[in-house]
Amino acid sequence: MTAVGVPPHGFAEAQAPVGGPPADDDEMFDMVNLSTRRTGLPGTIFVSTRRASHGPRIKWFPGKPEWEGPCLVVTLEDPPRAINQGLPARVARDGEAVALPWAARNRDALLRFWHDGLTWDSDEVQGFIERLARSS
C-alpha cells in the first residue's frame, strides 16, 4: 500500500502502456551467437534482430564474443562490406576474407531475421539457424 501523497515507485512505473512505445531504456531485440560448427567459419558470428541505432549487420569475432569487444562489423548491403572495430589489421583481413562471402551467401535469411525475427517463436528461430549455409 502506498502512503497518501507518495507517488508509487518500482517496476510498474517503468512500463509503457499496452500498445504504446517501449520505455526509453527497454529496447527489444533477439540475438544468437553462431559457432564455427554452425557456420564453418573460424570464430563466432553474432546475429541480431533490428536495433534502432544502426542498419542491418552481423558481427564476426575471432573467438568468443565480448560485450563491446573488438570485432568485424559486416553490413548486409549488396555486396556486404566490413568495418574493423578494434581488431589487429591482420586479424581483420582474415575475418573479412571469410565473413564477407558467408554474409553474402546468407544475406536474404539474415535480413529476414533482422526485420522479422523479433516476432518468431523458438521453432522459427531454430529453423532459421539450421537453414543458414555453411562456409565452403
N, C-alpha and C. Protein backbone atom coordinates (compact mmCIF):
# COMPACT_ATOMS: atom_id res chain seq x y z
N MET A 1 0.84 -1.18 0.00
CA MET A 1 0.00 0.00 0.00
C MET A 1 0.89 1.24 0.00
N THR A 2 0.51 2.24 -0.76
CA THR A 2 1.26 3.48 -0.87
C THR A 2 0.65 4.52 0.05
N ALA A 3 1.53 5.23 0.75
CA ALA A 3 1.05 6.29 1.64
C ALA A 3 0.41 7.39 0.80
N VAL A 4 -0.57 8.07 1.37
CA VAL A 4 -1.26 9.15 0.68
C VAL A 4 -0.26 10.25 0.33
N GLY A 5 -0.30 10.68 -0.92
CA GLY A 5 0.57 11.75 -1.37
C GLY A 5 1.97 11.30 -1.80
N VAL A 6 2.28 10.00 -1.63
CA VAL A 6 3.59 9.49 -2.05
C VAL A 6 3.40 8.76 -3.38
N PRO A 7 4.12 9.20 -4.41
CA PRO A 7 3.95 8.54 -5.71
C PRO A 7 4.44 7.10 -5.67
N PRO A 8 3.82 6.22 -6.45
CA PRO A 8 4.27 4.82 -6.47
C PRO A 8 5.68 4.76 -7.09
N HIS A 9 6.41 3.74 -6.74
CA HIS A 9 7.75 3.57 -7.30
C HIS A 9 7.98 2.09 -7.60
N GLY A 10 9.02 1.85 -8.35
CA GLY A 10 9.36 0.46 -8.64
C GLY A 10 9.11 0.10 -10.09
N PHE A 11 8.98 -1.17 -10.33
CA PHE A 11 8.90 -1.74 -11.67
C PHE A 11 7.73 -1.18 -12.48
N ALA A 12 6.58 -1.04 -11.89
CA ALA A 12 5.37 -0.64 -12.62
C ALA A 12 5.51 0.70 -13.31
N GLU A 13 6.19 1.66 -12.69
CA GLU A 13 6.28 2.98 -13.31
C GLU A 13 7.19 2.99 -14.53
N ALA A 14 8.04 2.00 -14.69
CA ALA A 14 8.94 1.93 -15.84
C ALA A 14 8.26 1.31 -17.05
N GLN A 15 7.05 0.82 -16.92
CA GLN A 15 6.37 0.13 -18.01
C GLN A 15 5.59 1.10 -18.88
N ALA A 16 5.66 0.86 -20.19
CA ALA A 16 4.86 1.64 -21.14
C ALA A 16 3.44 1.08 -21.14
N PRO A 17 2.46 1.91 -21.43
CA PRO A 17 1.10 1.39 -21.52
C PRO A 17 0.99 0.39 -22.66
N VAL A 18 0.06 -0.54 -22.53
CA VAL A 18 -0.17 -1.53 -23.58
C VAL A 18 -0.46 -0.81 -24.88
N GLY A 19 0.24 -1.22 -25.94
CA GLY A 19 0.04 -0.59 -27.24
C GLY A 19 0.90 0.64 -27.44
N GLY A 20 1.55 1.11 -26.40
CA GLY A 20 2.40 2.29 -26.51
C GLY A 20 3.83 1.90 -26.82
N PRO A 21 4.68 2.89 -27.01
CA PRO A 21 6.09 2.58 -27.29
C PRO A 21 6.77 2.00 -26.06
N PRO A 22 7.87 1.25 -26.27
CA PRO A 22 8.57 0.71 -25.10
C PRO A 22 9.17 1.83 -24.28
N ALA A 23 9.43 1.54 -23.02
CA ALA A 23 10.10 2.52 -22.16
C ALA A 23 11.43 2.89 -22.79
N ASP A 24 11.92 4.10 -22.53
CA ASP A 24 13.15 4.59 -23.17
C ASP A 24 14.33 3.65 -23.03
N ASP A 25 14.45 2.97 -21.89
CA ASP A 25 15.60 2.11 -21.67
C ASP A 25 15.32 0.65 -21.99
N ASP A 26 14.23 0.37 -22.69
CA ASP A 26 13.81 -1.01 -22.94
C ASP A 26 13.75 -1.27 -24.44
N GLU A 27 14.92 -1.46 -25.05
CA GLU A 27 14.98 -1.76 -26.48
C GLU A 27 14.94 -3.27 -26.65
N MET A 28 13.93 -3.77 -27.36
CA MET A 28 13.80 -5.20 -27.54
C MET A 28 14.55 -5.66 -28.78
N PHE A 29 15.26 -6.77 -28.67
CA PHE A 29 15.89 -7.42 -29.80
C PHE A 29 16.18 -8.86 -29.42
N ASP A 30 16.37 -9.68 -30.42
CA ASP A 30 16.74 -11.07 -30.22
C ASP A 30 18.09 -11.27 -30.87
N MET A 31 18.89 -12.17 -30.35
CA MET A 31 20.21 -12.38 -30.92
C MET A 31 20.62 -13.83 -30.75
N VAL A 32 21.62 -14.21 -31.55
CA VAL A 32 22.19 -15.54 -31.43
C VAL A 32 23.67 -15.46 -31.81
N ASN A 33 24.50 -16.19 -31.09
CA ASN A 33 25.91 -16.33 -31.43
C ASN A 33 26.07 -17.67 -32.14
N LEU A 34 26.57 -17.63 -33.37
CA LEU A 34 26.72 -18.84 -34.19
C LEU A 34 28.17 -19.31 -34.12
N SER A 35 28.36 -20.56 -33.75
CA SER A 35 29.69 -21.13 -33.58
C SER A 35 30.28 -21.60 -34.90
N THR A 36 31.56 -21.93 -34.86
CA THR A 36 32.25 -22.48 -36.02
C THR A 36 31.54 -23.73 -36.52
N ARG A 37 31.07 -24.57 -35.62
CA ARG A 37 30.36 -25.80 -36.01
C ARG A 37 29.15 -25.47 -36.88
N ARG A 38 28.47 -24.38 -36.59
CA ARG A 38 27.25 -24.00 -37.32
C ARG A 38 27.57 -23.29 -38.64
N THR A 39 28.58 -22.43 -38.66
CA THR A 39 28.85 -21.60 -39.84
C THR A 39 29.96 -22.13 -40.74
N GLY A 40 30.87 -22.93 -40.18
CA GLY A 40 32.05 -23.35 -40.92
C GLY A 40 33.15 -22.30 -40.91
N LEU A 41 32.92 -21.17 -40.25
CA LEU A 41 33.92 -20.10 -40.17
C LEU A 41 34.69 -20.20 -38.86
N PRO A 42 35.95 -19.78 -38.87
CA PRO A 42 36.64 -19.67 -37.59
C PRO A 42 36.00 -18.52 -36.79
N GLY A 43 35.95 -18.65 -35.49
CA GLY A 43 35.38 -17.58 -34.66
C GLY A 43 33.88 -17.72 -34.49
N THR A 44 33.25 -16.60 -34.15
CA THR A 44 31.82 -16.56 -33.83
C THR A 44 31.15 -15.46 -34.63
N ILE A 45 29.98 -15.77 -35.16
CA ILE A 45 29.14 -14.77 -35.83
C ILE A 45 28.01 -14.39 -34.89
N PHE A 46 27.87 -13.09 -34.61
CA PHE A 46 26.78 -12.55 -33.79
C PHE A 46 25.72 -12.03 -34.76
N VAL A 47 24.49 -12.49 -34.59
CA VAL A 47 23.36 -12.08 -35.43
C VAL A 47 22.27 -11.56 -34.51
N SER A 48 21.66 -10.43 -34.89
CA SER A 48 20.57 -9.90 -34.07
C SER A 48 19.42 -9.40 -34.94
N THR A 49 18.30 -9.16 -34.29
CA THR A 49 17.17 -8.52 -34.95
C THR A 49 17.43 -7.01 -34.97
N ARG A 50 16.54 -6.29 -35.63
CA ARG A 50 16.69 -4.84 -35.83
C ARG A 50 16.89 -4.11 -34.51
N ARG A 51 17.82 -3.17 -34.57
CA ARG A 51 18.05 -2.25 -33.45
C ARG A 51 18.03 -0.86 -34.04
N ALA A 52 17.50 0.08 -33.31
CA ALA A 52 17.27 1.43 -33.83
C ALA A 52 18.55 2.18 -34.17
N SER A 53 19.66 1.83 -33.56
CA SER A 53 20.86 2.65 -33.70
C SER A 53 21.65 2.41 -34.98
N HIS A 54 21.35 1.39 -35.75
CA HIS A 54 22.14 1.09 -36.95
C HIS A 54 21.36 0.23 -37.92
N GLY A 55 21.89 0.07 -39.12
CA GLY A 55 21.25 -0.73 -40.14
C GLY A 55 21.58 -2.21 -40.00
N PRO A 56 21.05 -3.03 -40.91
CA PRO A 56 21.27 -4.48 -40.85
C PRO A 56 22.76 -4.84 -40.90
N ARG A 57 23.16 -5.68 -39.98
CA ARG A 57 24.56 -6.08 -39.91
C ARG A 57 24.70 -7.33 -39.06
N ILE A 58 25.85 -7.94 -39.15
CA ILE A 58 26.27 -9.01 -38.25
C ILE A 58 27.64 -8.61 -37.72
N LYS A 59 28.13 -9.36 -36.76
CA LYS A 59 29.48 -9.13 -36.26
C LYS A 59 30.24 -10.45 -36.29
N TRP A 60 31.52 -10.37 -36.64
CA TRP A 60 32.41 -11.52 -36.59
C TRP A 60 33.44 -11.28 -35.50
N PHE A 61 33.55 -12.24 -34.59
CA PHE A 61 34.54 -12.21 -33.52
C PHE A 61 35.54 -13.34 -33.78
N PRO A 62 36.84 -13.09 -33.63
CA PRO A 62 37.82 -14.15 -33.88
C PRO A 62 37.74 -15.28 -32.85
N GLY A 63 37.15 -15.04 -31.72
CA GLY A 63 36.97 -16.05 -30.68
C GLY A 63 35.57 -15.90 -30.11
N LYS A 64 35.47 -16.02 -28.78
CA LYS A 64 34.18 -15.81 -28.11
C LYS A 64 33.84 -14.33 -28.13
N PRO A 65 32.56 -14.00 -28.35
CA PRO A 65 32.17 -12.58 -28.35
C PRO A 65 32.34 -11.95 -26.98
N GLU A 66 32.66 -10.69 -27.00
CA GLU A 66 32.75 -9.89 -25.77
C GLU A 66 31.84 -8.68 -25.94
N TRP A 67 31.16 -8.29 -24.89
CA TRP A 67 30.33 -7.09 -24.95
C TRP A 67 31.22 -5.91 -25.30
N GLU A 68 30.94 -5.24 -26.39
CA GLU A 68 31.72 -4.10 -26.87
C GLU A 68 33.18 -4.46 -27.15
N GLY A 69 33.46 -5.75 -27.37
CA GLY A 69 34.82 -6.18 -27.66
C GLY A 69 35.17 -5.96 -29.12
N PRO A 70 36.46 -6.07 -29.47
CA PRO A 70 36.88 -5.88 -30.85
C PRO A 70 36.24 -6.92 -31.75
N CYS A 71 35.82 -6.47 -32.92
CA CYS A 71 35.14 -7.36 -33.86
C CYS A 71 35.18 -6.75 -35.26
N LEU A 72 34.66 -7.50 -36.19
CA LEU A 72 34.48 -7.02 -37.55
C LEU A 72 32.98 -6.89 -37.76
N VAL A 73 32.51 -5.68 -38.02
CA VAL A 73 31.10 -5.46 -38.33
C VAL A 73 30.93 -5.67 -39.83
N VAL A 74 29.97 -6.50 -40.21
CA VAL A 74 29.71 -6.80 -41.61
C VAL A 74 28.31 -6.32 -41.94
N THR A 75 28.22 -5.35 -42.84
CA THR A 75 26.90 -4.84 -43.23
C THR A 75 26.21 -5.87 -44.11
N LEU A 76 24.90 -5.79 -44.18
CA LEU A 76 24.13 -6.71 -45.03
C LEU A 76 23.71 -6.03 -46.33
N GLU A 77 24.53 -5.08 -46.77
CA GLU A 77 24.32 -4.45 -48.07
C GLU A 77 24.65 -5.47 -49.16
N ASP A 78 24.37 -5.11 -50.40
CA ASP A 78 24.71 -5.97 -51.53
C ASP A 78 25.68 -5.21 -52.43
N PRO A 79 26.95 -5.51 -52.37
CA PRO A 79 27.63 -6.54 -51.57
C PRO A 79 27.89 -6.03 -50.15
N PRO A 80 28.09 -6.98 -49.22
CA PRO A 80 28.39 -6.57 -47.84
C PRO A 80 29.76 -5.91 -47.78
N ARG A 81 29.96 -5.11 -46.75
CA ARG A 81 31.28 -4.53 -46.52
C ARG A 81 31.61 -4.70 -45.05
N ALA A 82 32.91 -4.67 -44.77
CA ALA A 82 33.39 -4.91 -43.41
C ALA A 82 33.94 -3.63 -42.80
N ILE A 83 33.69 -3.45 -41.51
CA ILE A 83 34.19 -2.31 -40.75
C ILE A 83 34.93 -2.87 -39.54
N ASN A 84 36.22 -2.57 -39.47
CA ASN A 84 37.04 -3.07 -38.37
C ASN A 84 36.75 -2.27 -37.11
N GLN A 85 36.38 -2.96 -36.06
CA GLN A 85 36.10 -2.33 -34.76
C GLN A 85 37.14 -2.78 -33.73
N GLY A 86 38.40 -2.36 -33.95
CA GLY A 86 39.44 -2.57 -32.95
C GLY A 86 40.25 -3.84 -33.06
N LEU A 87 40.09 -4.62 -34.14
CA LEU A 87 40.91 -5.82 -34.31
C LEU A 87 42.27 -5.45 -34.92
N PRO A 88 43.31 -6.22 -34.62
CA PRO A 88 44.57 -6.01 -35.34
C PRO A 88 44.32 -6.17 -36.85
N ALA A 89 45.04 -5.41 -37.66
CA ALA A 89 44.79 -5.38 -39.11
C ALA A 89 44.82 -6.77 -39.74
N ARG A 90 45.78 -7.61 -39.38
CA ARG A 90 45.87 -8.95 -39.97
C ARG A 90 44.65 -9.79 -39.61
N VAL A 91 44.20 -9.71 -38.36
CA VAL A 91 43.02 -10.47 -37.91
C VAL A 91 41.78 -9.97 -38.65
N ALA A 92 41.67 -8.65 -38.81
CA ALA A 92 40.52 -8.09 -39.54
C ALA A 92 40.52 -8.55 -40.99
N ARG A 93 41.68 -8.55 -41.65
CA ARG A 93 41.75 -9.01 -43.05
C ARG A 93 41.36 -10.48 -43.16
N ASP A 94 41.85 -11.31 -42.23
CA ASP A 94 41.49 -12.73 -42.24
C ASP A 94 39.99 -12.91 -42.01
N GLY A 95 39.43 -12.14 -41.09
CA GLY A 95 37.99 -12.21 -40.83
C GLY A 95 37.17 -11.76 -42.02
N GLU A 96 37.62 -10.69 -42.67
CA GLU A 96 36.92 -10.18 -43.85
C GLU A 96 36.88 -11.23 -44.96
N ALA A 97 37.99 -11.97 -45.13
CA ALA A 97 38.08 -12.97 -46.19
C ALA A 97 37.06 -14.10 -46.01
N VAL A 98 36.66 -14.39 -44.77
CA VAL A 98 35.68 -15.47 -44.56
C VAL A 98 34.28 -14.94 -44.28
N ALA A 99 34.18 -13.82 -43.58
CA ALA A 99 32.86 -13.32 -43.16
C ALA A 99 32.08 -12.66 -44.30
N LEU A 100 32.76 -11.96 -45.20
CA LEU A 100 32.04 -11.30 -46.30
C LEU A 100 31.36 -12.31 -47.22
N PRO A 101 32.04 -13.36 -47.68
CA PRO A 101 31.34 -14.34 -48.53
C PRO A 101 30.20 -15.05 -47.79
N TRP A 102 30.40 -15.35 -46.50
CA TRP A 102 29.35 -16.01 -45.73
C TRP A 102 28.13 -15.10 -45.61
N ALA A 103 28.35 -13.83 -45.32
CA ALA A 103 27.24 -12.88 -45.21
C ALA A 103 26.51 -12.74 -46.54
N ALA A 104 27.25 -12.67 -47.63
CA ALA A 104 26.62 -12.56 -48.96
C ALA A 104 25.77 -13.80 -49.25
N ARG A 105 26.29 -14.98 -48.94
CA ARG A 105 25.58 -16.24 -49.21
C ARG A 105 24.30 -16.34 -48.38
N ASN A 106 24.31 -15.79 -47.18
CA ASN A 106 23.16 -15.90 -46.27
C ASN A 106 22.37 -14.60 -46.14
N ARG A 107 22.62 -13.65 -46.99
CA ARG A 107 22.05 -12.30 -46.87
C ARG A 107 20.53 -12.30 -46.73
N ASP A 108 19.82 -13.00 -47.60
CA ASP A 108 18.35 -12.98 -47.55
C ASP A 108 17.83 -13.49 -46.20
N ALA A 109 18.37 -14.59 -45.72
CA ALA A 109 17.92 -15.15 -44.44
C ALA A 109 18.28 -14.21 -43.28
N LEU A 110 19.48 -13.64 -43.32
CA LEU A 110 19.90 -12.72 -42.26
C LEU A 110 19.02 -11.47 -42.24
N LEU A 111 18.65 -10.97 -43.42
CA LEU A 111 17.75 -9.80 -43.47
C LEU A 111 16.36 -10.14 -42.95
N ARG A 112 15.86 -11.35 -43.26
CA ARG A 112 14.55 -11.75 -42.72
C ARG A 112 14.59 -11.79 -41.20
N PHE A 113 15.68 -12.35 -40.64
CA PHE A 113 15.81 -12.38 -39.18
C PHE A 113 15.91 -10.96 -38.63
N TRP A 114 16.69 -10.10 -39.28
CA TRP A 114 16.86 -8.71 -38.85
C TRP A 114 15.50 -8.01 -38.76
N HIS A 115 14.69 -8.16 -39.81
CA HIS A 115 13.41 -7.43 -39.87
C HIS A 115 12.27 -8.10 -39.11
N ASP A 116 12.22 -9.44 -39.11
CA ASP A 116 11.04 -10.14 -38.58
C ASP A 116 11.32 -11.05 -37.38
N GLY A 117 12.59 -11.32 -37.09
CA GLY A 117 12.93 -12.31 -36.08
C GLY A 117 12.39 -12.05 -34.70
N LEU A 118 12.16 -10.80 -34.35
CA LEU A 118 11.64 -10.49 -33.03
C LEU A 118 10.26 -11.10 -32.79
N THR A 119 9.53 -11.37 -33.86
CA THR A 119 8.18 -11.95 -33.73
C THR A 119 8.19 -13.47 -33.84
N TRP A 120 9.35 -14.07 -34.11
CA TRP A 120 9.43 -15.52 -34.31
C TRP A 120 9.43 -16.26 -32.97
N ASP A 121 8.85 -17.46 -32.99
CA ASP A 121 8.93 -18.31 -31.80
C ASP A 121 10.22 -19.14 -31.89
N SER A 122 10.49 -19.92 -30.87
CA SER A 122 11.76 -20.65 -30.81
C SER A 122 11.94 -21.63 -31.97
N ASP A 123 10.86 -22.24 -32.44
CA ASP A 123 10.96 -23.16 -33.57
C ASP A 123 11.37 -22.42 -34.84
N GLU A 124 10.82 -21.23 -35.04
CA GLU A 124 11.18 -20.44 -36.22
C GLU A 124 12.64 -19.99 -36.15
N VAL A 125 13.09 -19.58 -34.97
CA VAL A 125 14.49 -19.17 -34.81
C VAL A 125 15.40 -20.37 -35.07
N GLN A 126 15.06 -21.52 -34.51
CA GLN A 126 15.88 -22.72 -34.72
C GLN A 126 15.91 -23.09 -36.20
N GLY A 127 14.78 -22.99 -36.90
CA GLY A 127 14.74 -23.28 -38.33
C GLY A 127 15.63 -22.32 -39.11
N PHE A 128 15.60 -21.04 -38.75
CA PHE A 128 16.47 -20.05 -39.38
C PHE A 128 17.93 -20.46 -39.23
N ILE A 129 18.32 -20.81 -38.02
CA ILE A 129 19.71 -21.19 -37.75
C ILE A 129 20.10 -22.41 -38.57
N GLU A 130 19.22 -23.41 -38.61
CA GLU A 130 19.53 -24.65 -39.31
C GLU A 130 19.62 -24.47 -40.83
N ARG A 131 18.91 -23.48 -41.39
CA ARG A 131 18.93 -23.26 -42.84
C ARG A 131 20.08 -22.38 -43.31
N LEU A 132 20.82 -21.77 -42.40
CA LEU A 132 21.96 -20.95 -42.82
C LEU A 132 23.00 -21.81 -43.52
N ALA A 133 23.52 -21.32 -44.63
CA ALA A 133 24.55 -22.04 -45.38
C ALA A 133 25.87 -21.96 -44.64
N ARG A 134 26.59 -23.08 -44.62
CA ARG A 134 27.93 -23.11 -44.03
C ARG A 134 28.93 -22.58 -45.05
N SER A 135 30.05 -22.13 -44.53
CA SER A 135 31.14 -21.69 -45.40
C SER A 135 31.64 -22.89 -46.19
N SER A 136 32.01 -22.62 -47.44
CA SER A 136 32.50 -23.75 -48.25
C SER A 136 34.00 -23.85 -48.21
